[in-house]
Amino acid sequence: MGTKMAVAFANIFMASVETEIISLSKTKPLEWKRYIDDIFSLWNADKKEIEDFIVLANRHHLTIKFTAEISNKEVNFLDTTVYKGERFRDQGILDVRTHFKPTETFQYTHFSSCHPVGVKKGLIKGEALRLLRTKSSEKSFYENISNFKTRLRARGYSHNLIEKIISKVKYTERKSALQQTYKVRKKILPFVTRYHPALPNLKNILISK
C-alpha cells in the first residue's frame, strides 16, 4: 500500500465516494458497513434495484469499481458468512459462521518448526477465539472446534497441549470475547535477538538480573 498513511488516506477517500453515491441513489441500503475494500450491506429492495445501484456506483468514478454478491439467504463478508438461520425465522436476527475459502488447506505452523512455544500456543488460542467470535451457533462452534483439534493433531500438536489451551475458550464467554478491549501500553526498551530452541531462556535470565 506504500506509505504508512496510505490505508488511512484510502479510507477517507472511499468514505467520501460512497457517501456521494448513496446520496445520489433513489434506492438506499438499510445498512452499509465497509472495511477497507469489502462492504456489507442490507437492502429492502429487489435484485434489479440493487443491480441498478451497482451500475450507478460504477459510473461515479473512473477508477473505483464495485462488484457484488447478491443473495436473499447468505453472503460472505471478510472471514464470516452472514445467513438467515432459525433465529431469523423466529426473531428476525441474522446469524454468522466462519467462512473458509475453497483454497484453504489448514496448513498451520507445524509443531516441529523452529518457533518459540509461545507462538504455537498463541496460534491455538488465536484461532479458537476467531472461531468463537465468528460463530453465533453454539452447536456449529463446537463442531468447528472439534475439526480444529483434529487438524492441529495432524500438524504434530499434542492432545494435552491442545486441550489445555482450547478448554479456556468457552461459548458461554462469547459476548465478552466480542467486546473491544484496550490495553495500556508500557514504554519498554526492546531487546531483539535471534531465536534458537537450543538457547537458554534469555527473558528469565535478564529479569533475574
C-alpha atoms as a PDB file:
ATOM      1  CA  MET A   1       0.000   0.000   0.000  1.00  0.00           C
ATOM      2  CA  GLY A   2       3.005   2.325   0.016  1.00  0.00           C
ATOM      3  CA  THR A   3       3.339   4.722   2.962  1.00  0.00           C
ATOM      4  CA  LYS A   4       2.030   4.013   6.462  1.00  0.00           C
ATOM      5  CA  MET A   5      -0.763   6.538   5.934  1.00  0.00           C
ATOM      6  CA  ALA A   6      -1.885   5.031   2.605  1.00  0.00           C
ATOM      7  CA  VAL A   7      -4.690   2.925   4.136  1.00  0.00           C
ATOM      8  CA  ALA A   8      -5.977   5.872   6.193  1.00  0.00           C
ATOM      9  CA  PHE A   9      -5.991   8.135   3.127  1.00  0.00           C
ATOM     10  CA  ALA A  10      -7.751   5.442   1.066  1.00  0.00           C
ATOM     11  CA  ASN A  11     -10.404   5.046   3.772  1.00  0.00           C
ATOM     12  CA  ILE A  12     -11.049   8.791   3.908  1.00  0.00           C
ATOM     13  CA  PHE A  13     -11.312   8.934   0.120  1.00  0.00           C
ATOM     14  CA  MET A  14     -13.667   5.941  -0.088  1.00  0.00           C
ATOM     15  CA  ALA A  15     -15.853   7.350   2.698  1.00  0.00           C
ATOM     16  CA  SER A  16     -16.386  10.438   0.558  1.00  0.00           C
ATOM     17  CA  VAL A  17     -17.043   8.403  -2.598  1.00  0.00           C
ATOM     18  CA  GLU A  18     -19.584   6.038  -1.011  1.00  0.00           C
ATOM     19  CA  THR A  19     -21.395   8.904   0.757  1.00  0.00           C
ATOM     20  CA  GLU A  20     -21.831  10.681  -2.585  1.00  0.00           C
ATOM     21  CA  ILE A  21     -23.044   7.503  -4.332  1.00  0.00           C
ATOM     22  CA  ILE A  22     -25.622   6.706  -1.650  1.00  0.00           C
ATOM     23  CA  SER A  23     -26.903  10.295  -1.623  1.00  0.00           C
ATOM     24  CA  LEU A  24     -27.410  10.198  -5.424  1.00  0.00           C
ATOM     25  CA  SER A  25     -29.243   6.866  -5.439  1.00  0.00           C
ATOM     26  CA  LYS A  26     -33.031   6.629  -5.150  1.00  0.00           C
ATOM     27  CA  THR A  27     -32.656   3.175  -3.614  1.00  0.00           C
ATOM     28  CA  LYS A  28     -30.631   3.288  -0.400  1.00  0.00           C
ATOM     29  CA  PRO A  29     -29.272   0.461   1.772  1.00  0.00           C
ATOM     30  CA  LEU A  30     -30.719  -0.198   5.219  1.00  0.00           C
ATOM     31  CA  GLU A  31     -27.179  -0.886   6.424  1.00  0.00           C
ATOM     32  CA  TRP A  32     -23.795  -0.118   4.844  1.00  0.00           C
ATOM     33  CA  LYS A  33     -20.560  -1.231   6.517  1.00  0.00           C
ATOM     34  CA  ARG A  34     -17.154  -1.122   4.843  1.00  0.00           C
ATOM     35  CA  TYR A  35     -13.769  -2.498   5.938  1.00  0.00           C
ATOM     36  CA  ILE A  36     -11.047  -1.216   3.578  1.00  0.00           C
ATOM     37  CA  ASP A  37     -12.401  -2.529   0.248  1.00  0.00           C
ATOM     38  CA  ASP A  38     -15.009  -5.033   1.476  1.00  0.00           C
ATOM     39  CA  ILE A  39     -18.588  -3.857   2.005  1.00  0.00           C
ATOM     40  CA  PHE A  40     -21.511  -5.496   3.774  1.00  0.00           C
ATOM     41  CA  SER A  41     -24.946  -4.034   3.105  1.00  0.00           C
ATOM     42  CA  LEU A  42     -28.595  -4.868   3.775  1.00  0.00           C
ATOM     43  CA  TRP A  43     -31.391  -3.843   1.422  1.00  0.00           C
ATOM     44  CA  ASN A  44     -35.164  -3.662   1.411  1.00  0.00           C
ATOM     45  CA  ALA A  45     -35.250  -3.801  -2.377  1.00  0.00           C
ATOM     46  CA  ASP A  46     -35.448  -6.319  -5.218  1.00  0.00           C
ATOM     47  CA  LYS A  47     -32.396  -7.605  -7.092  1.00  0.00           C
ATOM     48  CA  LYS A  48     -32.939  -5.281 -10.077  1.00  0.00           C
ATOM     49  CA  GLU A  49     -32.856  -2.186  -7.859  1.00  0.00           C
ATOM     50  CA  ILE A  50     -29.628  -3.327  -6.221  1.00  0.00           C
ATOM     51  CA  GLU A  51     -28.071  -4.032  -9.622  1.00  0.00           C
ATOM     52  CA  ASP A  52     -29.062  -0.536 -10.748  1.00  0.00           C
ATOM     53  CA  PHE A  53     -27.310   0.845  -7.664  1.00  0.00           C
ATOM     54  CA  ILE A  54     -24.115  -1.030  -8.638  1.00  0.00           C
ATOM     55  CA  VAL A  55     -24.322   0.433 -12.159  1.00  0.00           C
ATOM     56  CA  LEU A  56     -24.683   3.923 -10.667  1.00  0.00           C
ATOM     57  CA  ALA A  57     -21.729   3.304  -8.331  1.00  0.00           C
ATOM     58  CA  ASN A  58     -19.502   2.158 -11.199  1.00  0.00           C
ATOM     59  CA  ARG A  59     -20.280   5.302 -13.199  1.00  0.00           C
ATOM     60  CA  HIS A  60     -19.368   7.611 -10.330  1.00  0.00           C
ATOM     61  CA  HIS A  61     -15.568   7.390 -10.560  1.00  0.00           C
ATOM     62  CA  LEU A  62     -13.233   6.482 -13.408  1.00  0.00           C
ATOM     63  CA  THR A  63     -11.047   4.068 -11.434  1.00  0.00           C
ATOM     64  CA  ILE A  64     -13.224   2.965  -8.487  1.00  0.00           C
ATOM     65  CA  LYS A  65     -15.313  -0.044  -9.488  1.00  0.00           C
ATOM     66  CA  PHE A  66     -17.658  -2.243  -7.444  1.00  0.00           C
ATOM     67  CA  THR A  67     -18.595  -5.908  -7.747  1.00  0.00           C
ATOM     68  CA  ALA A  68     -21.368  -7.519  -5.725  1.00  0.00           C
ATOM     69  CA  GLU A  69     -22.648 -10.848  -4.449  1.00  0.00           C
ATOM     70  CA  ILE A  70     -26.414 -10.531  -4.068  1.00  0.00           C
ATOM     71  CA  SER A  71     -28.382 -13.133  -2.107  1.00  0.00           C
ATOM     72  CA  ASN A  72     -31.579 -13.334  -0.071  1.00  0.00           C
ATOM     73  CA  LYS A  73     -30.179 -16.221   2.006  1.00  0.00           C
ATOM     74  CA  GLU A  74     -26.494 -15.686   2.829  1.00  0.00           C
ATOM     75  CA  VAL A  75     -23.437 -13.633   1.900  1.00  0.00           C
ATOM     76  CA  ASN A  76     -19.723 -13.767   2.718  1.00  0.00           C
ATOM     77  CA  PHE A  77     -18.051 -10.794   4.404  1.00  0.00           C
ATOM     78  CA  LEU A  78     -14.376 -10.958   5.372  1.00  0.00           C
ATOM     79  CA  ASP A  79     -13.938 -14.272   7.262  1.00  0.00           C
ATOM     80  CA  THR A  80     -17.642 -14.701   8.047  1.00  0.00           C
ATOM     81  CA  THR A  81     -20.793 -15.858   6.311  1.00  0.00           C
ATOM     82  CA  VAL A  82     -23.890 -13.909   7.349  1.00  0.00           C
ATOM     83  CA  TYR A  83     -27.003 -16.022   6.860  1.00  0.00           C
ATOM     84  CA  LYS A  84     -30.678 -16.428   7.676  1.00  0.00           C
ATOM     85  CA  GLY A  85     -30.864 -19.227  10.234  1.00  0.00           C
ATOM     86  CA  GLU A  86     -33.542 -20.381  12.657  1.00  0.00           C
ATOM     87  CA  ARG A  87     -33.315 -17.145  14.627  1.00  0.00           C
ATOM     88  CA  PHE A  88     -34.203 -15.103  11.549  1.00  0.00           C
ATOM     89  CA  ARG A  89     -37.429 -17.015  11.123  1.00  0.00           C
ATOM     90  CA  ASP A  90     -38.391 -16.653  14.780  1.00  0.00           C
ATOM     91  CA  GLN A  91     -36.828 -13.311  15.793  1.00  0.00           C
ATOM     92  CA  GLY A  92     -35.630 -11.598  12.615  1.00  0.00           C
ATOM     93  CA  ILE A  93     -31.978 -11.939  13.727  1.00  0.00           C
ATOM     94  CA  LEU A  94     -29.202 -12.833  11.280  1.00  0.00           C
ATOM     95  CA  ASP A  95     -26.582 -15.432  12.235  1.00  0.00           C
ATOM     96  CA  VAL A  96     -22.891 -15.739  11.370  1.00  0.00           C
ATOM     97  CA  ARG A  97     -20.499 -18.611  10.829  1.00  0.00           C
ATOM     98  CA  THR A  98     -16.810 -18.784   9.978  1.00  0.00           C
ATOM     99  CA  HIS A  99     -16.091 -18.548   6.256  1.00  0.00           C
ATOM    100  CA  PHE A 100     -13.276 -20.656   4.812  1.00  0.00           C
ATOM    101  CA  LYS A 101     -12.173 -20.063   1.229  1.00  0.00           C
ATOM    102  CA  PRO A 102     -12.289 -23.083  -1.125  1.00  0.00           C
ATOM    103  CA  THR A 103      -8.474 -22.938  -1.354  1.00  0.00           C
ATOM    104  CA  GLU A 104      -7.998 -23.186   2.446  1.00  0.00           C
ATOM    105  CA  THR A 105      -5.690 -26.112   3.301  1.00  0.00           C
ATOM    106  CA  PHE A 106      -5.340 -25.537   7.091  1.00  0.00           C
ATOM    107  CA  GLN A 107      -1.542 -25.796   6.949  1.00  0.00           C
ATOM    108  CA  TYR A 108      -0.961 -24.434  10.446  1.00  0.00           C
ATOM    109  CA  THR A 109       2.606 -23.949  11.677  1.00  0.00           C
ATOM    110  CA  HIS A 110       3.908 -27.463  12.363  1.00  0.00           C
ATOM    111  CA  PHE A 111       4.778 -28.145  15.993  1.00  0.00           C
ATOM    112  CA  SER A 112       8.283 -29.275  14.994  1.00  0.00           C
ATOM    113  CA  SER A 113       9.024 -25.939  13.305  1.00  0.00           C
ATOM    114  CA  CYS A 114      11.672 -23.645  14.799  1.00  0.00           C
ATOM    115  CA  HIS A 115       9.287 -21.217  16.508  1.00  0.00           C
ATOM    116  CA  PRO A 116       9.065 -20.252  20.193  1.00  0.00           C
ATOM    117  CA  VAL A 117       6.498 -22.313  22.113  1.00  0.00           C
ATOM    118  CA  GLY A 118       4.604 -19.096  22.840  1.00  0.00           C
ATOM    119  CA  VAL A 119       3.972 -18.629  19.108  1.00  0.00           C
ATOM    120  CA  LYS A 120       2.484 -22.115  18.839  1.00  0.00           C
ATOM    121  CA  LYS A 121       0.299 -21.609  21.905  1.00  0.00           C
ATOM    122  CA  GLY A 122      -0.802 -18.251  20.551  1.00  0.00           C
ATOM    123  CA  LEU A 123      -1.787 -19.869  17.254  1.00  0.00           C
ATOM    124  CA  ILE A 124      -4.103 -22.299  19.037  1.00  0.00           C
ATOM    125  CA  LYS A 125      -5.753 -19.699  21.252  1.00  0.00           C
ATOM    126  CA  GLY A 126      -5.989 -17.102  18.486  1.00  0.00           C
ATOM    127  CA  GLU A 127      -7.746 -19.426  16.050  1.00  0.00           C
ATOM    128  CA  ALA A 128     -10.045 -20.767  18.785  1.00  0.00           C
ATOM    129  CA  LEU A 129     -11.070 -17.190  19.641  1.00  0.00           C
ATOM    130  CA  ARG A 130     -11.665 -16.443  15.962  1.00  0.00           C
ATOM    131  CA  LEU A 131     -13.976 -19.458  15.715  1.00  0.00           C
ATOM    132  CA  LEU A 132     -15.769 -18.260  18.863  1.00  0.00           C
ATOM    133  CA  ARG A 133     -16.286 -14.719  17.568  1.00  0.00           C
ATOM    134  CA  THR A 134     -17.428 -15.800  14.110  1.00  0.00           C
ATOM    135  CA  LYS A 135     -19.951 -18.398  15.261  1.00  0.00           C
ATOM    136  CA  SER A 136     -23.344 -17.371  16.604  1.00  0.00           C
ATOM    137  CA  SER A 137     -24.467 -21.008  16.854  1.00  0.00           C
ATOM    138  CA  GLU A 138     -23.165 -22.963  19.846  1.00  0.00           C
ATOM    139  CA  LYS A 139     -23.524 -26.288  18.029  1.00  0.00           C
ATOM    140  CA  SER A 140     -21.622 -25.011  14.997  1.00  0.00           C
ATOM    141  CA  PHE A 141     -18.887 -23.572  17.238  1.00  0.00           C
ATOM    142  CA  TYR A 142     -18.159 -26.888  18.957  1.00  0.00           C
ATOM    143  CA  GLU A 143     -18.248 -28.741  15.623  1.00  0.00           C
ATOM    144  CA  ASN A 144     -15.587 -26.390  14.250  1.00  0.00           C
ATOM    145  CA  ILE A 145     -13.519 -26.639  17.447  1.00  0.00           C
ATOM    146  CA  SER A 146     -13.556 -30.430  17.067  1.00  0.00           C
ATOM    147  CA  ASN A 147     -12.347 -30.120  13.459  1.00  0.00           C
ATOM    148  CA  PHE A 148      -9.690 -27.627  14.570  1.00  0.00           C
ATOM    149  CA  LYS A 149      -8.346 -30.078  17.167  1.00  0.00           C
ATOM    150  CA  THR A 150      -8.113 -32.812  14.526  1.00  0.00           C
ATOM    151  CA  ARG A 151      -6.155 -30.530  12.188  1.00  0.00           C
ATOM    152  CA  LEU A 152      -3.795 -29.497  14.984  1.00  0.00           C
ATOM    153  CA  ARG A 153      -3.030 -33.126  15.865  1.00  0.00           C
ATOM    154  CA  ALA A 154      -2.256 -33.728  12.178  1.00  0.00           C
ATOM    155  CA  ARG A 155       0.300 -30.902  12.464  1.00  0.00           C
ATOM    156  CA  GLY A 156       2.095 -32.508  15.400  1.00  0.00           C
ATOM    157  CA  TYR A 157       0.432 -30.793  18.379  1.00  0.00           C
ATOM    158  CA  SER A 158      -0.129 -32.963  21.442  1.00  0.00           C
ATOM    159  CA  HIS A 159      -3.587 -33.734  22.788  1.00  0.00           C
ATOM    160  CA  ASN A 160      -2.728 -32.336  26.238  1.00  0.00           C
ATOM    161  CA  LEU A 161      -1.451 -29.003  24.887  1.00  0.00           C
ATOM    162  CA  ILE A 162      -4.488 -28.578  22.624  1.00  0.00           C
ATOM    163  CA  GLU A 163      -6.976 -29.361  25.399  1.00  0.00           C
ATOM    164  CA  LYS A 164      -5.184 -27.169  27.956  1.00  0.00           C
ATOM    165  CA  ILE A 165      -5.453 -24.074  25.744  1.00  0.00           C
ATOM    166  CA  ILE A 166      -8.787 -24.633  23.985  1.00  0.00           C
ATOM    167  CA  SER A 167     -10.573 -25.540  27.243  1.00  0.00           C
ATOM    168  CA  LYS A 168     -10.203 -21.870  28.232  1.00  0.00           C
ATOM    169  CA  VAL A 169     -12.245 -20.726  25.204  1.00  0.00           C
ATOM    170  CA  LYS A 170     -15.901 -21.256  26.104  1.00  0.00           C
ATOM    171  CA  TYR A 171     -19.031 -20.411  24.136  1.00  0.00           C
ATOM    172  CA  THR A 172     -20.618 -19.001  27.299  1.00  0.00           C
ATOM    173  CA  GLU A 173     -17.988 -16.238  27.179  1.00  0.00           C
ATOM    174  CA  ARG A 174     -18.672 -15.257  23.554  1.00  0.00           C
ATOM    175  CA  LYS A 175     -20.309 -11.954  24.471  1.00  0.00           C
ATOM    176  CA  SER A 176     -17.233 -10.744  26.344  1.00  0.00           C
ATOM    177  CA  ALA A 177     -14.955 -12.021  23.549  1.00  0.00           C
ATOM    178  CA  LEU A 178     -16.796  -9.736  21.121  1.00  0.00           C
ATOM    179  CA  GLN A 179     -16.133  -6.654  23.242  1.00  0.00           C
ATOM    180  CA  GLN A 180     -13.226  -4.456  22.186  1.00  0.00           C
ATOM    181  CA  THR A 181     -10.582  -4.207  24.885  1.00  0.00           C
ATOM    182  CA  TYR A 182      -7.990  -1.506  25.351  1.00  0.00           C
ATOM    183  CA  LYS A 183      -4.605  -2.349  26.842  1.00  0.00           C
ATOM    184  CA  VAL A 184      -2.344   0.187  28.476  1.00  0.00           C
ATOM    185  CA  ARG A 185       0.935   0.015  26.631  1.00  0.00           C
ATOM    186  CA  LYS A 186       4.048   0.271  28.734  1.00  0.00           C
ATOM    187  CA  LYS A 187       7.091   2.086  27.463  1.00  0.00           C
ATOM    188  CA  ILE A 188       9.795  -0.527  27.077  1.00  0.00           C
ATOM    189  CA  LEU A 189      13.220  -0.802  25.505  1.00  0.00           C
ATOM    190  CA  PRO A 190      13.002  -3.698  23.009  1.00  0.00           C
ATOM    191  CA  PHE A 191      15.712  -6.336  23.147  1.00  0.00           C
ATOM    192  CA  VAL A 192      15.696  -8.333  19.911  1.00  0.00           C
ATOM    193  CA  THR A 193      17.812 -11.409  19.348  1.00  0.00           C
ATOM    194  CA  ARG A 194      17.802 -14.385  17.005  1.00  0.00           C
ATOM    195  CA  TYR A 195      15.608 -17.242  18.255  1.00  0.00           C
ATOM    196  CA  HIS A 196      17.029 -20.737  18.556  1.00  0.00           C
ATOM    197  CA  PRO A 197      15.499 -23.585  20.599  1.00  0.00           C
ATOM    198  CA  ALA A 198      18.945 -24.503  21.982  1.00  0.00           C
ATOM    199  CA  LEU A 199      19.412 -21.083  23.588  1.00  0.00           C
ATOM    200  CA  PRO A 200      18.538 -20.622  27.277  1.00  0.00           C
ATOM    201  CA  ASN A 201      15.519 -18.542  28.272  1.00  0.00           C
ATOM    202  CA  LEU A 202      17.051 -15.082  27.917  1.00  0.00           C
ATOM    203  CA  LYS A 203      13.946 -13.364  29.284  1.00  0.00           C
ATOM    204  CA  ASN A 204      14.192 -15.164  32.610  1.00  0.00           C
ATOM    205  CA  ILE A 205      17.943 -14.547  32.766  1.00  0.00           C
ATOM    206  CA  LEU A 206      17.548 -10.796  32.172  1.00  0.00           C
ATOM    207  CA  ILE A 207      14.674 -10.461  34.658  1.00  0.00           C
ATOM    208  CA  SER A 208      16.630 -12.323  37.350  1.00  0.00           C
ATOM    209  CA  LYS A 209      19.476  -9.848  36.961  1.00  0.00           C
END
